[in-house]
Amino acid sequence: MINYILQSSKGKKLAMSLDQLKPGETGIVISVAGAGAVKRRLLDMGIHKGQTIKMIKAAPLRDPLQISLAGGHFSIRRSEASLIQIEIESDRFRE
């Protein structure tokens, strides 16, 4: 997945997929890709555009990922997390 920089009036933000987020980092959902049951499951969990998501931790073998969202904790597969585009402050990424 390619990271890219979004330019806004509030400064630069780094856009990436949720599976690239490091434990402890927080991002805001830009979009949810996918189709069928997978997309429906993500939307039913409350993952919508504008929602804040925090990466809690990844399992020792990198799958599943534990995320915090709307006061709850959820586990999702890394493949599902790759369908969720988020933005974070760009201090992690230096030009």
N, C-alpha and C. Protein backbone atom coordinates (compact mmCIF):
# COMPACT_ATOMS: atom_id res chain seq x y z
N MET A 1 0.84 -1.17 0.00
CA MET A 1 0.00 0.00 0.00
C MET A 1 0.88 1.24 0.00
N ILE A 2 0.51 2.22 -0.78
CA ILE A 2 1.28 3.44 -0.90
C ILE A 2 0.71 4.49 0.05
N ASN A 3 1.58 5.10 0.83
CA ASN A 3 1.17 6.21 1.69
C ASN A 3 1.17 7.47 0.86
N TYR A 4 0.28 8.39 1.17
CA TYR A 4 0.29 9.66 0.47
C TYR A 4 -0.07 10.76 1.45
N ILE A 5 0.24 11.99 1.09
CA ILE A 5 0.03 13.12 1.97
C ILE A 5 -1.18 13.91 1.50
N LEU A 6 -2.08 14.21 2.45
CA LEU A 6 -3.24 15.04 2.17
C LEU A 6 -2.93 16.45 2.63
N GLN A 7 -3.25 17.41 1.81
CA GLN A 7 -3.03 18.81 2.16
C GLN A 7 -4.36 19.39 2.61
N SER A 8 -4.41 20.01 3.77
CA SER A 8 -5.64 20.65 4.24
C SER A 8 -5.29 21.98 4.87
N SER A 9 -6.31 22.72 5.25
CA SER A 9 -6.08 24.02 5.88
C SER A 9 -5.42 23.86 7.24
N LYS A 10 -5.52 22.68 7.84
CA LYS A 10 -4.93 22.43 9.15
C LYS A 10 -3.51 21.87 9.05
N GLY A 11 -2.98 21.73 7.85
CA GLY A 11 -1.64 21.21 7.66
C GLY A 11 -1.65 19.90 6.90
N LYS A 12 -0.50 19.22 6.90
CA LYS A 12 -0.38 17.97 6.17
C LYS A 12 -0.76 16.79 7.04
N LYS A 13 -1.41 15.83 6.43
CA LYS A 13 -1.78 14.60 7.12
C LYS A 13 -1.32 13.43 6.25
N LEU A 14 -0.92 12.36 6.89
CA LEU A 14 -0.48 11.17 6.19
C LEU A 14 -1.66 10.22 6.05
N ALA A 15 -1.93 9.75 4.83
CA ALA A 15 -3.00 8.80 4.58
C ALA A 15 -2.39 7.42 4.38
N MET A 16 -3.02 6.42 4.96
CA MET A 16 -2.53 5.04 4.88
C MET A 16 -3.68 4.09 5.20
N SER A 17 -3.42 2.81 5.08
CA SER A 17 -4.44 1.84 5.49
C SER A 17 -4.25 1.53 6.98
N LEU A 18 -5.31 1.10 7.61
CA LEU A 18 -5.30 0.85 9.05
C LEU A 18 -4.26 -0.19 9.47
N ASP A 19 -3.98 -1.16 8.62
CA ASP A 19 -3.00 -2.19 8.98
C ASP A 19 -1.58 -1.64 9.12
N GLN A 20 -1.33 -0.43 8.64
CA GLN A 20 0.00 0.19 8.75
C GLN A 20 0.15 1.04 10.01
N LEU A 21 -0.92 1.21 10.75
CA LEU A 21 -0.87 2.00 11.98
C LEU A 21 -0.09 1.24 13.05
N LYS A 22 0.71 1.95 13.83
CA LYS A 22 1.49 1.32 14.89
C LYS A 22 0.68 1.32 16.18
N PRO A 23 0.93 0.36 17.08
CA PRO A 23 0.20 0.33 18.35
C PRO A 23 0.33 1.66 19.09
N GLY A 24 -0.80 2.15 19.59
CA GLY A 24 -0.84 3.42 20.30
C GLY A 24 -1.19 4.61 19.42
N GLU A 25 -1.10 4.46 18.09
CA GLU A 25 -1.41 5.56 17.19
C GLU A 25 -2.92 5.61 16.91
N THR A 26 -3.37 6.80 16.60
CA THR A 26 -4.79 7.05 16.33
C THR A 26 -4.93 7.64 14.94
N GLY A 27 -6.00 7.27 14.25
CA GLY A 27 -6.28 7.80 12.93
C GLY A 27 -7.76 8.06 12.75
N ILE A 28 -8.08 8.78 11.70
CA ILE A 28 -9.47 9.09 11.35
C ILE A 28 -9.79 8.42 10.03
N VAL A 29 -10.91 7.71 9.97
CA VAL A 29 -11.30 6.96 8.78
C VAL A 29 -11.61 7.91 7.63
N ILE A 30 -10.99 7.63 6.48
CA ILE A 30 -11.25 8.37 5.24
C ILE A 30 -12.27 7.60 4.41
N SER A 31 -12.06 6.27 4.30
CA SER A 31 -12.97 5.44 3.50
C SER A 31 -12.85 3.98 3.92
N VAL A 32 -13.89 3.23 3.56
CA VAL A 32 -13.91 1.79 3.79
C VAL A 32 -14.14 1.13 2.44
N ALA A 33 -13.18 0.32 1.99
CA ALA A 33 -13.29 -0.37 0.70
C ALA A 33 -13.87 -1.76 0.93
N GLY A 34 -13.80 -2.58 -0.08
CA GLY A 34 -14.29 -3.95 0.05
C GLY A 34 -15.70 -4.07 -0.50
N ALA A 35 -16.22 -5.28 -0.44
CA ALA A 35 -17.55 -5.53 -0.95
C ALA A 35 -18.21 -6.66 -0.17
N GLY A 36 -19.50 -6.73 -0.28
CA GLY A 36 -20.24 -7.84 0.31
C GLY A 36 -20.20 -7.88 1.83
N ALA A 37 -20.07 -9.11 2.34
CA ALA A 37 -20.15 -9.35 3.78
C ALA A 37 -19.02 -8.69 4.56
N VAL A 38 -17.84 -8.61 3.97
CA VAL A 38 -16.71 -8.00 4.68
C VAL A 38 -16.98 -6.51 4.93
N LYS A 39 -17.38 -5.80 3.89
CA LYS A 39 -17.67 -4.37 4.05
C LYS A 39 -18.83 -4.17 5.01
N ARG A 40 -19.86 -4.99 4.92
CA ARG A 40 -21.02 -4.89 5.80
C ARG A 40 -20.59 -5.08 7.25
N ARG A 41 -19.71 -6.04 7.52
CA ARG A 41 -19.23 -6.29 8.88
C ARG A 41 -18.49 -5.08 9.43
N LEU A 42 -17.62 -4.50 8.62
CA LEU A 42 -16.87 -3.32 9.05
C LEU A 42 -17.80 -2.15 9.35
N LEU A 43 -18.78 -1.93 8.49
CA LEU A 43 -19.74 -0.85 8.71
C LEU A 43 -20.60 -1.12 9.94
N ASP A 44 -20.99 -2.37 10.15
CA ASP A 44 -21.78 -2.74 11.33
C ASP A 44 -21.01 -2.54 12.63
N MET A 45 -19.68 -2.65 12.57
CA MET A 45 -18.84 -2.42 13.75
C MET A 45 -18.75 -0.93 14.07
N GLY A 46 -19.20 -0.08 13.16
CA GLY A 46 -19.16 1.36 13.39
C GLY A 46 -18.00 2.05 12.71
N ILE A 47 -17.35 1.37 11.79
CA ILE A 47 -16.22 1.96 11.07
C ILE A 47 -16.79 2.73 9.87
N HIS A 48 -16.90 4.05 10.05
CA HIS A 48 -17.46 4.94 9.04
C HIS A 48 -16.52 6.11 8.83
N LYS A 49 -16.68 6.81 7.73
CA LYS A 49 -15.88 8.00 7.44
C LYS A 49 -16.01 8.99 8.59
N GLY A 50 -14.85 9.51 9.05
CA GLY A 50 -14.83 10.48 10.13
C GLY A 50 -14.68 9.87 11.51
N GLN A 51 -14.82 8.56 11.64
CA GLN A 51 -14.69 7.86 12.93
C GLN A 51 -13.23 7.79 13.35
N THR A 52 -12.94 7.99 14.63
CA THR A 52 -11.58 7.89 15.16
C THR A 52 -11.30 6.46 15.60
N ILE A 53 -10.16 5.91 15.16
CA ILE A 53 -9.76 4.54 15.48
C ILE A 53 -8.38 4.57 16.10
N LYS A 54 -8.19 3.79 17.15
CA LYS A 54 -6.87 3.67 17.78
C LYS A 54 -6.41 2.22 17.68
N MET A 55 -5.16 2.04 17.26
CA MET A 55 -4.58 0.70 17.21
C MET A 55 -4.11 0.36 18.63
N ILE A 56 -4.64 -0.70 19.19
CA ILE A 56 -4.26 -1.11 20.53
C ILE A 56 -3.04 -2.03 20.46
N LYS A 57 -3.17 -3.11 19.72
CA LYS A 57 -2.03 -4.02 19.58
C LYS A 57 -2.26 -5.01 18.44
N ALA A 58 -1.18 -5.66 18.05
CA ALA A 58 -1.24 -6.73 17.05
C ALA A 58 -0.81 -8.02 17.74
N ALA A 59 -1.40 -9.12 17.36
CA ALA A 59 -1.04 -10.42 17.92
C ALA A 59 0.42 -10.73 17.55
N PRO A 60 1.06 -11.62 18.30
CA PRO A 60 2.48 -11.93 18.04
C PRO A 60 2.80 -12.33 16.60
N LEU A 61 1.88 -12.99 15.93
CA LEU A 61 2.11 -13.39 14.54
C LEU A 61 1.49 -12.39 13.56
N ARG A 62 1.26 -11.15 14.05
CA ARG A 62 0.76 -10.02 13.26
C ARG A 62 -0.72 -10.07 12.92
N ASP A 63 -1.44 -11.09 13.32
CA ASP A 63 -2.86 -11.19 12.99
C ASP A 63 -3.57 -11.90 14.13
N PRO A 64 -4.66 -11.44 14.66
CA PRO A 64 -5.46 -10.26 14.31
C PRO A 64 -4.93 -8.99 14.97
N LEU A 65 -5.59 -7.88 14.63
CA LEU A 65 -5.27 -6.59 15.21
C LEU A 65 -6.37 -6.21 16.19
N GLN A 66 -6.01 -5.61 17.30
CA GLN A 66 -7.01 -5.12 18.24
C GLN A 66 -7.09 -3.61 18.09
N ILE A 67 -8.31 -3.12 17.85
CA ILE A 67 -8.53 -1.68 17.67
C ILE A 67 -9.55 -1.19 18.69
N SER A 68 -9.49 0.09 18.96
CA SER A 68 -10.47 0.74 19.83
C SER A 68 -11.25 1.74 18.99
N LEU A 69 -12.57 1.70 19.16
CA LEU A 69 -13.42 2.53 18.33
C LEU A 69 -14.73 2.76 19.06
N ALA A 70 -15.13 4.00 19.21
CA ALA A 70 -16.41 4.37 19.84
C ALA A 70 -16.59 3.72 21.21
N GLY A 71 -15.52 3.66 21.99
CA GLY A 71 -15.62 3.13 23.34
C GLY A 71 -15.55 1.62 23.46
N GLY A 72 -15.41 0.92 22.35
CA GLY A 72 -15.32 -0.55 22.37
C GLY A 72 -14.02 -1.03 21.78
N HIS A 73 -13.68 -2.27 22.09
CA HIS A 73 -12.48 -2.89 21.53
C HIS A 73 -12.93 -4.00 20.59
N PHE A 74 -12.30 -4.06 19.42
CA PHE A 74 -12.63 -5.04 18.40
C PHE A 74 -11.37 -5.69 17.88
N SER A 75 -11.49 -6.91 17.42
CA SER A 75 -10.38 -7.60 16.73
C SER A 75 -10.78 -7.78 15.28
N ILE A 76 -9.86 -7.40 14.39
CA ILE A 76 -10.11 -7.59 12.96
C ILE A 76 -8.86 -8.19 12.32
N ARG A 77 -9.07 -8.86 11.20
CA ARG A 77 -7.95 -9.44 10.46
C ARG A 77 -7.15 -8.32 9.79
N ARG A 78 -5.88 -8.58 9.58
CA ARG A 78 -5.02 -7.61 8.90
C ARG A 78 -5.54 -7.35 7.48
N SER A 79 -6.06 -8.38 6.84
CA SER A 79 -6.59 -8.21 5.47
C SER A 79 -7.81 -7.27 5.48
N GLU A 80 -8.63 -7.32 6.54
CA GLU A 80 -9.76 -6.41 6.65
C GLU A 80 -9.27 -4.99 6.96
N ALA A 81 -8.26 -4.88 7.81
CA ALA A 81 -7.71 -3.57 8.16
C ALA A 81 -7.12 -2.87 6.94
N SER A 82 -6.61 -3.64 5.99
CA SER A 82 -6.03 -3.04 4.79
C SER A 82 -7.08 -2.39 3.90
N LEU A 83 -8.35 -2.68 4.13
CA LEU A 83 -9.45 -2.09 3.36
C LEU A 83 -9.88 -0.74 3.92
N ILE A 84 -9.39 -0.38 5.09
CA ILE A 84 -9.80 0.85 5.76
C ILE A 84 -8.71 1.91 5.59
N GLN A 85 -9.02 2.99 4.89
CA GLN A 85 -8.08 4.09 4.69
C GLN A 85 -8.27 5.10 5.82
N ILE A 86 -7.16 5.51 6.42
CA ILE A 86 -7.20 6.47 7.51
C ILE A 86 -6.22 7.60 7.25
N GLU A 87 -6.33 8.66 8.03
CA GLU A 87 -5.35 9.74 7.98
C GLU A 87 -4.85 9.98 9.40
N ILE A 88 -3.56 10.31 9.50
CA ILE A 88 -2.95 10.66 10.78
C ILE A 88 -2.14 11.92 10.60
N GLU A 89 -1.79 12.56 11.70
CA GLU A 89 -0.91 13.73 11.62
C GLU A 89 0.41 13.30 11.02
N SER A 90 1.02 14.13 10.21
CA SER A 90 2.20 13.74 9.44
C SER A 90 3.51 13.84 10.21
N ASP A 91 3.49 14.02 11.53
CA ASP A 91 4.76 14.09 12.27
C ASP A 91 5.51 12.77 12.25
N ARG A 92 4.84 11.67 11.94
CA ARG A 92 5.48 10.37 11.82
C ARG A 92 6.27 10.28 10.53
N PHE A 93 5.88 11.05 9.55
CA PHE A 93 6.47 11.02 8.21
C PHE A 93 7.16 12.33 7.92
N ARG A 94 8.43 12.31 7.70
CA ARG A 94 9.18 13.52 7.42
C ARG A 94 9.51 13.58 5.93
N GLU A 95 9.28 14.73 5.33
CA GLU A 95 9.59 14.88 3.90
C GLU A 95 11.06 15.09 3.69
